[in-house]
């Protein structure tokens, strides 16, 4: 008897499902989040920071090269990426 394979749902597919079936306006949320974070980004730019963690509304937004790469909860810690040589 062969093992039954199981399907996974990738993040992109889940986001599209939430957007299209759940009716969530993803672009509105993106614009709202970007607006909040851009105020903090100005201060970081003055320090020439390439990586930062912005804490807002109890969440930690990890930013690398001007891209929010993840959002963490209060108790979660950001892992520092190893630099490639």
Protein backbone atom coordinates (compact mmCIF):
# COMPACT_ATOMS: atom_id res chain seq x y z
CA UNK A 1 0.00 0.00 0.00
CA UNK A 2 1.52 3.36 -0.99
CA UNK A 3 1.57 6.34 1.33
CA UNK A 4 -1.05 8.91 0.51
CA UNK A 5 0.46 12.25 -0.38
CA UNK A 6 -0.90 15.38 1.23
CA UNK A 7 -1.31 18.75 -0.42
CA UNK A 8 0.07 21.93 1.12
CA UNK A 9 -1.28 25.43 0.58
CA UNK A 10 1.46 28.01 -0.04
CA UNK A 11 1.27 31.51 1.44
CA UNK A 12 0.44 33.07 -1.93
CA UNK A 13 -2.53 30.74 -2.47
CA UNK A 14 -3.79 31.33 1.06
CA UNK A 15 -3.59 35.10 0.58
CA UNK A 16 -5.52 34.88 -2.70
CA UNK A 17 -8.15 32.66 -1.05
CA UNK A 18 -8.62 35.16 1.78
CA UNK A 19 -8.80 38.00 -0.73
CA UNK A 20 -11.15 36.39 -3.24
CA UNK A 21 -13.36 34.16 -1.10
CA UNK A 22 -13.21 36.04 2.20
CA UNK A 23 -13.60 39.44 0.54
CA UNK A 24 -10.64 40.97 2.37
CA UNK A 25 -9.21 44.05 0.66
CA UNK A 26 -5.52 43.12 0.74
CA UNK A 27 -4.34 46.27 -1.04
CA UNK A 28 -6.17 48.50 1.46
CA UNK A 29 -4.43 46.66 4.30
CA UNK A 30 -1.07 46.98 2.53
CA UNK A 31 -1.56 50.74 2.09
CA UNK A 32 -2.55 51.14 5.73
CA UNK A 33 0.45 49.19 7.00
CA UNK A 34 2.85 51.02 4.69
CA UNK A 35 1.52 54.38 5.88
CA UNK A 36 2.14 53.51 9.52
CA UNK A 37 5.59 52.12 8.89
CA UNK A 38 6.78 54.90 6.59
CA UNK A 39 6.74 57.34 9.50
CA UNK A 40 9.28 55.14 11.32
CA UNK A 41 11.29 54.56 8.17
CA UNK A 42 12.20 58.24 7.90
CA UNK A 43 14.02 58.09 11.23
CA UNK A 44 15.82 54.90 10.20
CA UNK A 45 16.86 56.43 6.88
CA UNK A 46 18.51 59.28 8.75
CA UNK A 47 20.61 56.66 10.55
CA UNK A 48 21.30 54.86 7.25
CA UNK A 49 19.88 51.64 8.66
CA UNK A 50 19.51 48.71 6.22
CA UNK A 51 17.72 46.43 8.69
CA UNK A 52 15.33 47.33 11.50
CA UNK A 53 12.47 46.12 13.63
CA UNK A 54 9.58 48.57 13.94
CA UNK A 55 7.33 47.99 16.94
CA UNK A 56 3.80 49.29 16.48
CA UNK A 57 0.46 48.26 17.96
CA UNK A 58 2.12 45.39 19.82
CA UNK A 59 3.57 43.90 16.63
CA UNK A 60 7.16 43.77 15.40
CA UNK A 61 7.65 44.49 11.72
CA UNK A 62 11.01 43.25 10.44
CA UNK A 63 12.37 45.42 7.63
CA UNK A 64 15.28 44.44 5.37
CA UNK A 65 16.36 46.72 2.50
CA UNK A 66 13.10 48.70 2.62
CA UNK A 67 10.87 45.60 2.52
CA UNK A 68 8.77 44.39 5.45
CA UNK A 69 9.71 40.71 5.38
CA UNK A 70 7.61 39.51 8.33
CA UNK A 71 5.35 40.64 11.15
CA UNK A 72 5.87 39.04 14.55
CA UNK A 73 3.68 38.89 17.64
CA UNK A 74 4.64 40.42 21.01
CA UNK A 75 6.43 37.37 22.37
CA UNK A 76 8.26 36.48 19.16
CA UNK A 77 11.89 37.43 18.53
CA UNK A 78 13.34 38.48 15.20
CA UNK A 79 16.12 36.22 13.99
CA UNK A 80 19.10 38.00 12.57
CA UNK A 81 19.99 36.91 9.05
CA UNK A 82 23.51 35.74 8.33
CA UNK A 83 25.33 37.93 5.90
CA UNK A 84 26.57 36.35 2.69
CA UNK A 85 30.23 36.89 1.94
